[in-house]
Amino acid sequence: MRTIVAGSRSCKDYNTVAKAIWDCPWDVTTIISGTAPGVDRMGELYAKESGIPLIRMPADWTRYGRGAGKIRNIEMALVADALVAVWDGVSPGTGHMIDTARSKGLKIYVQFTDS
């Protein structure tokens, strides 16, 4: 499944991200990244190390300003089948990504983290 890997920018533990991708209950065939520091970039590294195709979808901050992150989340959800989120339970961007994925009917796996 085409899977968004997203999460809290504060998460610095690659093993937590890799385990979340590994533990999700579907076959990840493509990783979609919003390219943000933290979980997104570790998802990119996982894709490269695992030989999984990667789609990078950075937010266009110049064009959309402060709303760019939410617009990017919606755009990713439109091309994905699923979401793996590594979330501290606080990050508003990850919360929005989870809500967006839910509204679009994507499969969702959330790994909570305290980092």
PDB file of N, CA and C in Angstrom:
ATOM      1  N   MET A   1       0.833  -1.188   0.000  1.00  0.00           N
ATOM      2  CA  MET A   1       0.000   0.000   0.000  1.00  0.00           C
ATOM      3  C   MET A   1       0.877   1.249   0.000  1.00  0.00           C
ATOM      4  N   ARG A   2       0.449   2.255  -0.685  1.00  0.00           N
ATOM      5  CA  ARG A   2       1.135   3.555  -0.653  1.00  0.00           C
ATOM      6  C   ARG A   2       0.871   4.165   0.719  1.00  0.00           C
ATOM      7  N   THR A   3       1.932   4.322   1.496  1.00  0.00           N
ATOM      8  CA  THR A   3       1.794   4.668   2.907  1.00  0.00           C
ATOM      9  C   THR A   3       2.522   5.957   3.253  1.00  0.00           C
ATOM     10  N   ILE A   4       1.792   6.899   3.816  1.00  0.00           N
ATOM     11  CA  ILE A   4       2.400   8.111   4.359  1.00  0.00           C
ATOM     12  C   ILE A   4       3.094   7.727   5.658  1.00  0.00           C
ATOM     13  N   VAL A   5       4.339   8.152   5.824  1.00  0.00           N
ATOM     14  CA  VAL A   5       5.037   8.012   7.104  1.00  0.00           C
ATOM     15  C   VAL A   5       5.236   9.429   7.618  1.00  0.00           C
ATOM     16  N   ALA A   6       4.585   9.734   8.733  1.00  0.00           N
ATOM     17  CA  ALA A   6       4.600  11.096   9.258  1.00  0.00           C
ATOM     18  C   ALA A   6       4.635  11.046  10.775  1.00  0.00           C
ATOM     19  N   GLY A   7       5.010  12.170  11.365  1.00  0.00           N
ATOM     20  CA  GLY A   7       4.992  12.202  12.822  1.00  0.00           C
ATOM     21  C   GLY A   7       5.653  13.420  13.403  1.00  0.00           C
ATOM     22  N   SER A   8       5.804  13.348  14.691  1.00  0.00           N
ATOM     23  CA  SER A   8       6.321  14.459  15.474  1.00  0.00           C
ATOM     24  C   SER A   8       7.760  14.792  15.092  1.00  0.00           C
ATOM     25  N   ARG A   9       8.023  16.066  14.916  1.00  0.00           N
ATOM     26  CA  ARG A   9       9.375  16.509  14.583  1.00  0.00           C
ATOM     27  C   ARG A   9      10.341  16.253  15.726  1.00  0.00           C
ATOM     28  N   SER A  10       9.812  16.135  16.942  1.00  0.00           N
ATOM     29  CA  SER A  10      10.665  15.920  18.111  1.00  0.00           C
ATOM     30  C   SER A  10      11.197  14.497  18.203  1.00  0.00           C
ATOM     31  N   CYS A  11      10.613  13.563  17.481  1.00  0.00           N
ATOM     32  CA  CYS A  11      11.061  12.171  17.530  1.00  0.00           C
ATOM     33  C   CYS A  11      12.395  12.040  16.804  1.00  0.00           C
ATOM     34  N   LYS A  12      13.392  11.541  17.514  1.00  0.00           N
ATOM     35  CA  LYS A  12      14.736  11.391  16.943  1.00  0.00           C
ATOM     36  C   LYS A  12      15.173   9.932  16.870  1.00  0.00           C
ATOM     37  N   ASP A  13      14.291   9.003  17.221  1.00  0.00           N
ATOM     38  CA  ASP A  13      14.653   7.588  17.323  1.00  0.00           C
ATOM     39  C   ASP A  13      14.259   6.828  16.058  1.00  0.00           C
ATOM     40  N   TYR A  14      15.248   6.556  15.221  1.00  0.00           N
ATOM     41  CA  TYR A  14      15.006   5.844  13.971  1.00  0.00           C
ATOM     42  C   TYR A  14      14.372   4.481  14.223  1.00  0.00           C
ATOM     43  N   ASN A  15      14.812   3.783  15.264  1.00  0.00           N
ATOM     44  CA  ASN A  15      14.282   2.444  15.533  1.00  0.00           C
ATOM     45  C   ASN A  15      12.784   2.468  15.821  1.00  0.00           C
ATOM     46  N   THR A  16      12.301   3.514  16.478  1.00  0.00           N
ATOM     47  CA  THR A  16      10.864   3.646  16.740  1.00  0.00           C
ATOM     48  C   THR A  16      10.095   3.779  15.431  1.00  0.00           C
ATOM     49  N   VAL A  17      10.626   4.576  14.513  1.00  0.00           N
ATOM     50  CA  VAL A  17       9.974   4.775  13.212  1.00  0.00           C
ATOM     51  C   VAL A  17      10.012   3.484  12.398  1.00  0.00           C
ATOM     52  N   ALA A  18      11.173   2.854  12.337  1.00  0.00           N
ATOM     53  CA  ALA A  18      11.305   1.606  11.580  1.00  0.00           C
ATOM     54  C   ALA A  18      10.368   0.533  12.130  1.00  0.00           C
ATOM     55  N   LYS A  19      10.278   0.425  13.449  1.00  0.00           N
ATOM     56  CA  LYS A  19       9.394  -0.569  14.069  1.00  0.00           C
ATOM     57  C   LYS A  19       7.930  -0.276  13.746  1.00  0.00           C
ATOM     58  N   ALA A  20       7.544   0.993  13.742  1.00  0.00           N
ATOM     59  CA  ALA A  20       6.162   1.348  13.405  1.00  0.00           C
ATOM     60  C   ALA A  20       5.828   0.920  11.977  1.00  0.00           C
ATOM     61  N   ILE A  21       6.746   1.164  11.052  1.00  0.00           N
ATOM     62  CA  ILE A  21       6.520   0.755   9.659  1.00  0.00           C
ATOM     63  C   ILE A  21       6.442  -0.768   9.578  1.00  0.00           C
ATOM     64  N   TRP A  22       7.348  -1.435  10.257  1.00  0.00           N
ATOM     65  CA  TRP A  22       7.393  -2.897  10.259  1.00  0.00           C
ATOM     66  C   TRP A  22       6.129  -3.494  10.885  1.00  0.00           C
ATOM     67  N   ASP A  23       5.639  -2.876  11.971  1.00  0.00           N
ATOM     68  CA  ASP A  23       4.502  -3.416  12.724  1.00  0.00           C
ATOM     69  C   ASP A  23       3.138  -3.116  12.111  1.00  0.00           C
ATOM     70  N   CYS A  24       3.046  -2.172  11.189  1.00  0.00           N
ATOM     71  CA  CYS A  24       1.730  -1.852  10.630  1.00  0.00           C
ATOM     72  C   CYS A  24       1.175  -3.095   9.922  1.00  0.00           C
ATOM     73  N   PRO A  25      -0.137  -3.295   9.982  1.00  0.00           N
ATOM     74  CA  PRO A  25      -0.729  -4.547   9.501  1.00  0.00           C
ATOM     75  C   PRO A  25      -1.020  -4.600   7.998  1.00  0.00           C
ATOM     76  N   TRP A  26      -0.166  -3.989   7.193  1.00  0.00           N
ATOM     77  CA  TRP A  26      -0.305  -4.078   5.743  1.00  0.00           C
ATOM     78  C   TRP A  26       1.088  -4.040   5.127  1.00  0.00           C
ATOM     79  N   ASP A  27       1.150  -4.369   3.851  1.00  0.00           N
ATOM     80  CA  ASP A  27       2.410  -4.378   3.115  1.00  0.00           C
ATOM     81  C   ASP A  27       2.663  -2.972   2.576  1.00  0.00           C
ATOM     82  N   VAL A  28       3.733  -2.351   3.034  1.00  0.00           N
ATOM     83  CA  VAL A  28       4.095  -1.006   2.576  1.00  0.00           C
ATOM     84  C   VAL A  28       4.850  -1.150   1.255  1.00  0.00           C
ATOM     85  N   THR A  29       4.237  -0.698   0.170  1.00  0.00           N
ATOM     86  CA  THR A  29       4.854  -0.818  -1.154  1.00  0.00           C
ATOM     87  C   THR A  29       5.520   0.473  -1.609  1.00  0.00           C
ATOM     88  N   THR A  30       5.075   1.595  -1.068  1.00  0.00           N
ATOM     89  CA  THR A  30       5.639   2.912  -1.368  1.00  0.00           C
ATOM     90  C   THR A  30       5.516   3.751  -0.109  1.00  0.00           C
ATOM     91  N   ILE A  31       6.556   4.541   0.181  1.00  0.00           N
ATOM     92  CA  ILE A  31       6.493   5.474   1.299  1.00  0.00           C
ATOM     93  C   ILE A  31       6.316   6.877   0.747  1.00  0.00           C
ATOM     94  N   ILE A  32       5.360   7.597   1.318  1.00  0.00           N
ATOM     95  CA  ILE A  32       5.108   8.992   0.966  1.00  0.00           C
ATOM     96  C   ILE A  32       5.563   9.840   2.142  1.00  0.00           C
ATOM     97  N   SER A  33       6.413  10.826   1.862  1.00  0.00           N
ATOM     98  CA  SER A  33       6.988  11.667   2.913  1.00  0.00           C
ATOM     99  C   SER A  33       6.657  13.128   2.677  1.00  0.00           C
ATOM    100  N   GLY A  34       6.300  13.810   3.761  1.00  0.00           N
ATOM    101  CA  GLY A  34       6.112  15.257   3.708  1.00  0.00           C
ATOM    102  C   GLY A  34       7.415  16.016   3.880  1.00  0.00           C
ATOM    103  N   THR A  35       8.502  15.311   4.063  1.00  0.00           N
ATOM    104  CA  THR A  35       9.895  15.794   4.101  1.00  0.00           C
ATOM    105  C   THR A  35      10.250  16.622   5.328  1.00  0.00           C
ATOM    106  N   ALA A  36       9.398  16.668   6.336  1.00  0.00           N
ATOM    107  CA  ALA A  36       9.705  17.441   7.545  1.00  0.00           C
ATOM    108  C   ALA A  36      10.799  16.741   8.349  1.00  0.00           C
ATOM    109  N   PRO A  37      11.552  17.507   9.147  1.00  0.00           N
ATOM    110  CA  PRO A  37      12.544  16.879  10.027  1.00  0.00           C
ATOM    111  C   PRO A  37      11.855  15.914  10.994  1.00  0.00           C
ATOM    112  N   GLY A  38      12.579  14.928  11.448  1.00  0.00           N
ATOM    113  CA  GLY A  38      12.025  13.963  12.395  1.00  0.00           C
ATOM    114  C   GLY A  38      11.512  12.729  11.686  1.00  0.00           C
ATOM    115  N   VAL A  39      10.289  12.336  11.996  1.00  0.00           N
ATOM    116  CA  VAL A  39       9.721  11.081  11.507  1.00  0.00           C
ATOM    117  C   VAL A  39       9.684  11.023   9.985  1.00  0.00           C
ATOM    118  N   ASP A  40       9.274  12.094   9.329  1.00  0.00           N
ATOM    119  CA  ASP A  40       9.182  12.083   7.860  1.00  0.00           C
ATOM    120  C   ASP A  40      10.520  11.682   7.238  1.00  0.00           C
ATOM    121  N   ARG A  41      11.581  12.323   7.675  1.00  0.00           N
ATOM    122  CA  ARG A  41      12.901  12.051   7.088  1.00  0.00           C
ATOM    123  C   ARG A  41      13.414  10.666   7.461  1.00  0.00           C
ATOM    124  N   MET A  42      13.070  10.199   8.655  1.00  0.00           N
ATOM    125  CA  MET A  42      13.461   8.833   9.017  1.00  0.00           C
ATOM    126  C   MET A  42      12.686   7.818   8.185  1.00  0.00           C
ATOM    127  N   GLY A  43      11.453   8.144   7.817  1.00  0.00           N
ATOM    128  CA  GLY A  43      10.702   7.296   6.898  1.00  0.00           C
ATOM    129  C   GLY A  43      11.372   7.228   5.536  1.00  0.00           C
ATOM    130  N   GLU A  44      11.929   8.356   5.095  1.00  0.00           N
ATOM    131  CA  GLU A  44      12.676   8.376   3.831  1.00  0.00           C
ATOM    132  C   GLU A  44      13.896   7.465   3.912  1.00  0.00           C
ATOM    133  N   LEU A  45      14.604   7.536   5.029  1.00  0.00           N
ATOM    134  CA  LEU A  45      15.776   6.681   5.223  1.00  0.00           C
ATOM    135  C   LEU A  45      15.369   5.208   5.215  1.00  0.00           C
ATOM    136  N   TYR A  46      14.269   4.891   5.869  1.00  0.00           N
ATOM    137  CA  TYR A  46      13.770   3.514   5.880  1.00  0.00           C
ATOM    138  C   TYR A  46      13.483   3.055   4.446  1.00  0.00           C
ATOM    139  N   ALA A  47      12.852   3.903   3.658  1.00  0.00           N
ATOM    140  CA  ALA A  47      12.554   3.551   2.266  1.00  0.00           C
ATOM    141  C   ALA A  47      13.834   3.254   1.502  1.00  0.00           C
ATOM    142  N   LYS A  48      14.825   4.125   1.654  1.00  0.00           N
ATOM    143  CA  LYS A  48      16.090   3.932   0.931  1.00  0.00           C
ATOM    144  C   LYS A  48      16.781   2.654   1.370  1.00  0.00           C
ATOM    145  N   GLU A  49      16.831   2.407   2.682  1.00  0.00           N
ATOM    146  CA  GLU A  49      17.508   1.215   3.196  1.00  0.00           C
ATOM    147  C   GLU A  49      16.775  -0.071   2.825  1.00  0.00           C
ATOM    148  N   SER A  50      15.466   0.010   2.650  1.00  0.00           N
ATOM    149  CA  SER A  50      14.651  -1.174   2.376  1.00  0.00           C
ATOM    150  C   SER A  50      14.365  -1.372   0.894  1.00  0.00           C
ATOM    151  N   GLY A  51      14.773  -0.424   0.059  1.00  0.00           N
ATOM    152  CA  GLY A  51      14.510  -0.526  -1.370  1.00  0.00           C
ATOM    153  C   GLY A  51      13.046  -0.293  -1.731  1.00  0.00           C
ATOM    154  N   ILE A  52      12.339   0.437  -0.874  1.00  0.00           N
ATOM    155  CA  ILE A  52      10.927   0.751  -1.117  1.00  0.00           C
ATOM    156  C   ILE A  52      10.855   2.077  -1.877  1.00  0.00           C
ATOM    157  N   PRO A  53      10.053   2.163  -2.931  1.00  0.00           N
ATOM    158  CA  PRO A  53       9.919   3.439  -3.641  1.00  0.00           C
ATOM    159  C   PRO A  53       9.474   4.560  -2.696  1.00  0.00           C
ATOM    160  N   LEU A  54       9.974   5.758  -2.970  1.00  0.00           N
ATOM    161  CA  LEU A  54       9.724   6.920  -2.124  1.00  0.00           C
ATOM    162  C   LEU A  54       9.121   8.045  -2.953  1.00  0.00           C
ATOM    163  N   ILE A  55       8.065   8.647  -2.433  1.00  0.00           N
ATOM    164  CA  ILE A  55       7.480   9.853  -3.018  1.00  0.00           C
ATOM    165  C   ILE A  55       7.649  10.964  -1.995  1.00  0.00           C
ATOM    166  N   ARG A  56       8.347  12.023  -2.376  1.00  0.00           N
ATOM    167  CA  ARG A  56       8.562  13.169  -1.485  1.00  0.00           C
ATOM    168  C   ARG A  56       7.578  14.268  -1.866  1.00  0.00           C
ATOM    169  N   MET A  57       6.845  14.774  -0.863  1.00  0.00           N
ATOM    170  CA  MET A  57       5.845  15.814  -1.104  1.00  0.00           C
ATOM    171  C   MET A  57       6.042  16.942  -0.093  1.00  0.00           C
ATOM    172  N   PRO A  58       7.039  17.787  -0.312  1.00  0.00           N
ATOM    173  CA  PRO A  58       7.285  18.869   0.650  1.00  0.00           C
ATOM    174  C   PRO A  58       6.183  19.927   0.613  1.00  0.00           C
ATOM    175  N   ALA A  59       5.990  20.568   1.748  1.00  0.00           N
ATOM    176  CA  ALA A  59       5.044  21.682   1.822  1.00  0.00           C
ATOM    177  C   ALA A  59       5.608  22.866   1.039  1.00  0.00           C
ATOM    178  N   ASP A  60       4.738  23.602   0.369  1.00  0.00           N
ATOM    179  CA  ASP A  60       5.152  24.785  -0.388  1.00  0.00           C
ATOM    180  C   ASP A  60       4.907  26.023   0.481  1.00  0.00           C
ATOM    181  N   TRP A  61       5.868  26.287   1.380  1.00  0.00           N
ATOM    182  CA  TRP A  61       5.732  27.386   2.339  1.00  0.00           C
ATOM    183  C   TRP A  61       5.705  28.741   1.641  1.00  0.00           C
ATOM    184  N   THR A  62       6.424  28.878   0.535  1.00  0.00           N
ATOM    185  CA  THR A  62       6.462  30.150  -0.187  1.00  0.00           C
ATOM    186  C   THR A  62       5.088  30.479  -0.765  1.00  0.00           C
ATOM    187  N   ARG A  63       4.453  29.501  -1.338  1.00  0.00           N
ATOM    188  CA  ARG A  63       3.159  29.720  -1.991  1.00  0.00           C
ATOM    189  C   ARG A  63       2.004  29.835  -0.992  1.00  0.00           C
ATOM    190  N   TYR A  64       2.008  28.961   0.042  1.00  0.00           N
ATOM    191  CA  TYR A  64       0.844  28.866   0.925  1.00  0.00           C
ATOM    192  C   TYR A  64       1.058  29.434   2.326  1.00  0.00           C
ATOM    193  N   GLY A  65       2.273  29.818   2.639  1.00  0.00           N
ATOM    194  CA  GLY A  65       2.531  30.389   3.960  1.00  0.00           C
ATOM    195  C   GLY A  65       2.244  29.401   5.072  1.00  0.00           C
ATOM    196  N   ARG A  66       1.661  29.893   6.166  1.00  0.00           N
ATOM    197  CA  ARG A  66       1.440  29.074   7.359  1.00  0.00           C
ATOM    198  C   ARG A  66       0.494  27.898   7.130  1.00  0.00           C
ATOM    199  N   GLY A  67      -0.319  27.959   6.104  1.00  0.00           N
ATOM    200  CA  GLY A  67      -1.243  26.858   5.812  1.00  0.00           C
ATOM    201  C   GLY A  67      -0.635  25.737   4.995  1.00  0.00           C
ATOM    202  N   ALA A  68       0.630  25.881   4.624  1.00  0.00           N
ATOM    203  CA  ALA A  68       1.266  24.923   3.716  1.00  0.00           C
ATOM    204  C   ALA A  68       1.288  23.500   4.258  1.00  0.00           C
ATOM    205  N   GLY A  69       1.533  23.347   5.548  1.00  0.00           N
ATOM    206  CA  GLY A  69       1.600  22.002   6.125  1.00  0.00           C
ATOM    207  C   GLY A  69       0.279  21.262   6.005  1.00  0.00           C
ATOM    208  N   LYS A  70      -0.809  21.942   6.296  1.00  0.00           N
ATOM    209  CA  LYS A  70      -2.127  21.308   6.198  1.00  0.00           C
ATOM    210  C   LYS A  70      -2.484  20.991   4.749  1.00  0.00           C
ATOM    211  N   ILE A  71      -2.145  21.895   3.843  1.00  0.00           N
ATOM    212  CA  ILE A  71      -2.405  21.648   2.419  1.00  0.00           C
ATOM    213  C   ILE A  71      -1.611  20.436   1.950  1.00  0.00           C
ATOM    214  N   ARG A  72      -0.344  20.352   2.351  1.00  0.00           N
ATOM    215  CA  ARG A  72       0.498  19.207   1.998  1.00  0.00           C
ATOM    216  C   ARG A  72      -0.093  17.919   2.563  1.00  0.00           C
ATOM    217  N   ASN A  73      -0.588  17.939   3.799  1.00  0.00           N
ATOM    218  CA  ASN A  73      -1.187  16.740   4.392  1.00  0.00           C
ATOM    219  C   ASN A  73      -2.377  16.257   3.568  1.00  0.00           C
ATOM    220  N   ILE A  74      -3.211  17.184   3.138  1.00  0.00           N
ATOM    221  CA  ILE A  74      -4.371  16.825   2.315  1.00  0.00           C
ATOM    222  C   ILE A  74      -3.913  16.241   0.982  1.00  0.00           C
ATOM    223  N   GLU A  75      -2.921  16.870   0.348  1.00  0.00           N
ATOM    224  CA  GLU A  75      -2.409  16.373  -0.933  1.00  0.00           C
ATOM    225  C   GLU A  75      -1.836  14.967  -0.793  1.00  0.00           C
ATOM    226  N   MET A  76      -1.113  14.706   0.299  1.00  0.00           N
ATOM    227  CA  MET A  76      -0.567  13.361   0.510  1.00  0.00           C
ATOM    228  C   MET A  76      -1.696  12.353   0.687  1.00  0.00           C
ATOM    229  N   ALA A  77      -2.717  12.710   1.455  1.00  0.00           N
ATOM    230  CA  ALA A  77      -3.829  11.788   1.700  1.00  0.00           C
ATOM    231  C   ALA A  77      -4.574  11.435   0.416  1.00  0.00           C
ATOM    232  N   LEU A  78      -4.572  12.337  -0.549  1.00  0.00           N
ATOM    233  CA  LEU A  78      -5.270  12.079  -1.810  1.00  0.00           C
ATOM    234  C   LEU A  78      -4.572  11.035  -2.676  1.00  0.00           C
ATOM    235  N   VAL A  79      -3.271  10.802  -2.452  1.00  0.00           N
ATOM    236  CA  VAL A  79      -2.541   9.826  -3.269  1.00  0.00           C
ATOM    237  C   VAL A  79      -2.135   8.583  -2.479  1.00  0.00           C
ATOM    238  N   ALA A  80      -2.506   8.515  -1.204  1.00  0.00           N
ATOM    239  CA  ALA A  80      -2.095   7.409  -0.337  1.00  0.00           C
ATOM    240  C   ALA A  80      -3.246   6.444  -0.080  1.00  0.00           C
ATOM    241  N   ASP A  81      -2.856   5.258   0.381  1.00  0.00           N
ATOM    242  CA  ASP A  81      -3.815   4.248   0.825  1.00  0.00           C
ATOM    243  C   ASP A  81      -3.843   4.137   2.345  1.00  0.00           C
ATOM    244  N   ALA A  82      -2.742   4.583   2.987  1.00  0.00           N
ATOM    245  CA  ALA A  82      -2.596   4.344   4.416  1.00  0.00           C
ATOM    246  C   ALA A  82      -1.657   5.376   5.037  1.00  0.00           C
ATOM    247  N   LEU A  83      -1.675   5.410   6.371  1.00  0.00           N
ATOM    248  CA  LEU A  83      -0.806   6.296   7.152  1.00  0.00           C
ATOM    249  C   LEU A  83      -0.188   5.526   8.304  1.00  0.00           C
ATOM    250  N   VAL A  84       1.130   5.643   8.447  1.00  0.00           N
ATOM    251  CA  VAL A  84       1.823   5.235   9.668  1.00  0.00           C
ATOM    252  C   VAL A  84       2.263   6.525  10.332  1.00  0.00           C
ATOM    253  N   ALA A  85       1.740   6.780  11.536  1.00  0.00           N
ATOM    254  CA  ALA A  85       2.087   7.995  12.273  1.00  0.00           C
ATOM    255  C   ALA A  85       2.814   7.620  13.557  1.00  0.00           C
ATOM    256  N   VAL A  86       3.928   8.294  13.809  1.00  0.00           N
ATOM    257  CA  VAL A  86       4.639   8.176  15.081  1.00  0.00           C
ATOM    258  C   VAL A  86       4.406   9.503  15.780  1.00  0.00           C
ATOM    259  N   TRP A  87       3.612   9.467  16.852  1.00  0.00           N
ATOM    260  CA  TRP A  87       3.059  10.701  17.411  1.00  0.00           C
ATOM    261  C   TRP A  87       3.295  10.801  18.904  1.00  0.00           C
ATOM    262  N   ASP A  88       3.636  11.999  19.336  1.00  0.00           N
ATOM    263  CA  ASP A  88       3.804  12.262  20.769  1.00  0.00           C
ATOM    264  C   ASP A  88       2.476  12.615  21.437  1.00  0.00           C
ATOM    265  N   GLY A  89       1.394  12.612  20.686  1.00  0.00           N
ATOM    266  CA  GLY A  89       0.080  12.936  21.219  1.00  0.00           C
ATOM    267  C   GLY A  89      -0.178  14.424  21.342  1.00  0.00           C
ATOM    268  N   VAL A  90       0.810  15.234  20.983  1.00  0.00           N
ATOM    269  CA  VAL A  90       0.722  16.687  21.149  1.00  0.00           C
ATOM    270  C   VAL A  90       0.875  17.422  19.821  1.00  0.00           C
ATOM    271  N   SER A  91       1.776  16.971  18.982  1.00  0.00           N
ATOM    272  CA  SER A  91       2.105  17.661  17.733  1.00  0.00           C
ATOM    273  C   SER A  91       0.848  17.929  16.904  1.00  0.00           C
ATOM    274  N   PRO A  92       0.526  19.226  16.672  1.00  0.00           N
ATOM    275  CA  PRO A  92      -0.697  19.534  15.925  1.00  0.00           C
ATOM    276  C   PRO A  92      -0.632  19.101  14.463  1.00  0.00           C
ATOM    277  N   GLY A  93       0.549  19.143  13.856  1.00  0.00           N
ATOM    278  CA  GLY A  93       0.671  18.735  12.457  1.00  0.00           C
ATOM    279  C   GLY A  93       0.369  17.258  12.274  1.00  0.00           C
ATOM    280  N   THR A  94       0.892  16.433  13.180  1.00  0.00           N
ATOM    281  CA  THR A  94       0.616  14.999  13.111  1.00  0.00           C
ATOM    282  C   THR A  94      -0.850  14.731  13.420  1.00  0.00           C
ATOM    283  N   GLY A  95      -1.399  15.444  14.390  1.00  0.00           N
ATOM    284  CA  GLY A  95      -2.825  15.302  14.690  1.00  0.00           C
ATOM    285  C   GLY A  95      -3.677  15.616  13.472  1.00  0.00           C
ATOM    286  N   HIS A  96      -3.313  16.676  12.751  1.00  0.00           N
ATOM    287  CA  HIS A  96      -4.039  17.029  11.527  1.00  0.00           C
ATOM    288  C   HIS A  96      -3.890  15.941  10.474  1.00  0.00           C
ATOM    289  N   MET A  97      -2.678  15.366  10.349  1.00  0.00           N
ATOM    290  CA  MET A  97      -2.464  14.308   9.364  1.00  0.00           C
ATOM    291  C   MET A  97      -3.342  13.108   9.687  1.00  0.00           C
ATOM    292  N   ILE A  98      -3.438  12.738  10.953  1.00  0.00           N
ATOM    293  CA  ILE A  98      -4.278  11.608  11.360  1.00  0.00           C
ATOM    294  C   ILE A  98      -5.748  11.906  11.055  1.00  0.00           C
ATOM    295  N   ASP A  99      -6.211  13.095  11.404  1.00  0.00           N
ATOM    296  CA  ASP A  99      -7.602  13.480  11.127  1.00  0.00           C
ATOM    297  C   ASP A  99      -7.892  13.481   9.630  1.00  0.00           C
ATOM    298  N   THR A 100      -6.939  13.983   8.844  1.00  0.00           N
ATOM    299  CA  THR A 100      -7.108  14.022   7.389  1.00  0.00           C
ATOM    300  C   THR A 100      -7.172  12.613   6.821  1.00  0.00           C
ATOM    301  N   ALA A 101      -6.270  11.748   7.269  1.00  0.00           N
ATOM    302  CA  ALA A 101      -6.269  10.356   6.800  1.00  0.00           C
ATOM    303  C   ALA A 101      -7.592   9.677   7.141  1.00  0.00           C
ATOM    304  N   ARG A 102      -8.084   9.914   8.340  1.00  0.00           N
ATOM    305  CA  ARG A 102      -9.361   9.325   8.760  1.00  0.00           C
ATOM    306  C   ARG A 102     -10.494   9.818   7.857  1.00  0.00           C
ATOM    307  N   SER A 103     -10.507  11.120   7.562  1.00  0.00           N
ATOM    308  CA  SER A 103     -11.591  11.686   6.747  1.00  0.00           C
ATOM    309  C   SER A 103     -11.557  11.181   5.310  1.00  0.00           C
ATOM    310  N   LYS A 104     -10.378  10.766   4.843  1.00  0.00           N
ATOM    311  CA  LYS A 104     -10.238  10.258   3.474  1.00  0.00           C
ATOM    312  C   LYS A 104     -10.373   8.741   3.406  1.00  0.00           C
ATOM    313  N   GLY A 105     -10.592   8.092   4.554  1.00  0.00           N
ATOM    314  CA  GLY A 105     -10.794   6.646   4.559  1.00  0.00           C
ATOM    315  C   GLY A 105      -9.522   5.826   4.459  1.00  0.00           C
ATOM    316  N   LEU A 106      -8.374   6.413   4.788  1.00  0.00           N
ATOM    317  CA  LEU A 106      -7.118   5.673   4.748  1.00  0.00           C
ATOM    318  C   LEU A 106      -7.017   4.724   5.934  1.00  0.00           C
ATOM    319  N   LYS A 107      -6.280   3.638   5.757  1.00  0.00           N
ATOM    320  CA  LYS A 107      -5.930   2.791   6.893  1.00  0.00           C
ATOM    321  C   LYS A 107      -4.931   3.572   7.736  1.00  0.00           C
ATOM    322  N   ILE A 108      -5.013   3.409   9.056  1.00  0.00           N
ATOM    323  CA  ILE A 108      -4.174   4.207   9.953  1.00  0.00           C
ATOM    324  C   ILE A 108      -3.550   3.319  11.015  1.00  0.00           C
ATOM    325  N   TYR A 109      -2.243   3.490  11.212  1.00  0.00           N
ATOM    326  CA  TYR A 109      -1.521   2.848  12.314  1.00  0.00           C
ATOM    327  C   TYR A 109      -0.775   3.953  13.048  1.00  0.00           C
ATOM    328  N   VAL A 110      -1.056   4.110  14.345  1.00  0.00           N
ATOM    329  CA  VAL A 110      -0.399   5.148  15.141  1.00  0.00           C
ATOM    330  C   VAL A 110       0.468   4.489  16.199  1.00  0.00           C
ATOM    331  N   GLN A 111       1.736   4.860  16.212  1.00  0.00           N
ATOM    332  CA  GLN A 111       2.670   4.450  17.262  1.00  0.00           C
ATOM    333  C   GLN A 111       2.898   5.670  18.140  1.00  0.00           C
ATOM    334  N   PHE A 112       2.468   5.599  19.386  1.00  0.00           N
ATOM    335  CA  PHE A 112       2.684   6.722  20.297  1.00  0.00           C
ATOM    336  C   PHE A 112       4.106   6.672  20.843  1.00  0.00           C
ATOM    337  N   THR A 113       4.694   7.848  21.016  1.00  0.00           N
ATOM    338  CA  THR A 113       6.051   7.954  21.531  1.00  0.00           C
ATOM    339  C   THR A 113       6.116   9.124  22.493  1.00  0.00           C
ATOM    340  N   ASP A 114       7.031   9.059  23.429  1.00  0.00           N
ATOM    341  CA  ASP A 114       7.198  10.178  24.359  1.00  0.00           C
ATOM    342  C   ASP A 114       8.397  11.034  23.994  1.00  0.00           C
ATOM    343  N   SER A 115       8.991  10.758  22.839  1.00  0.00           N
ATOM    344  CA  SER A 115      10.151  11.572  22.420  1.00  0.00           C
ATOM    345  C   SER A 115       9.748  12.604  21.393  1.00  0.00           C
TER     346      SER A 115
END
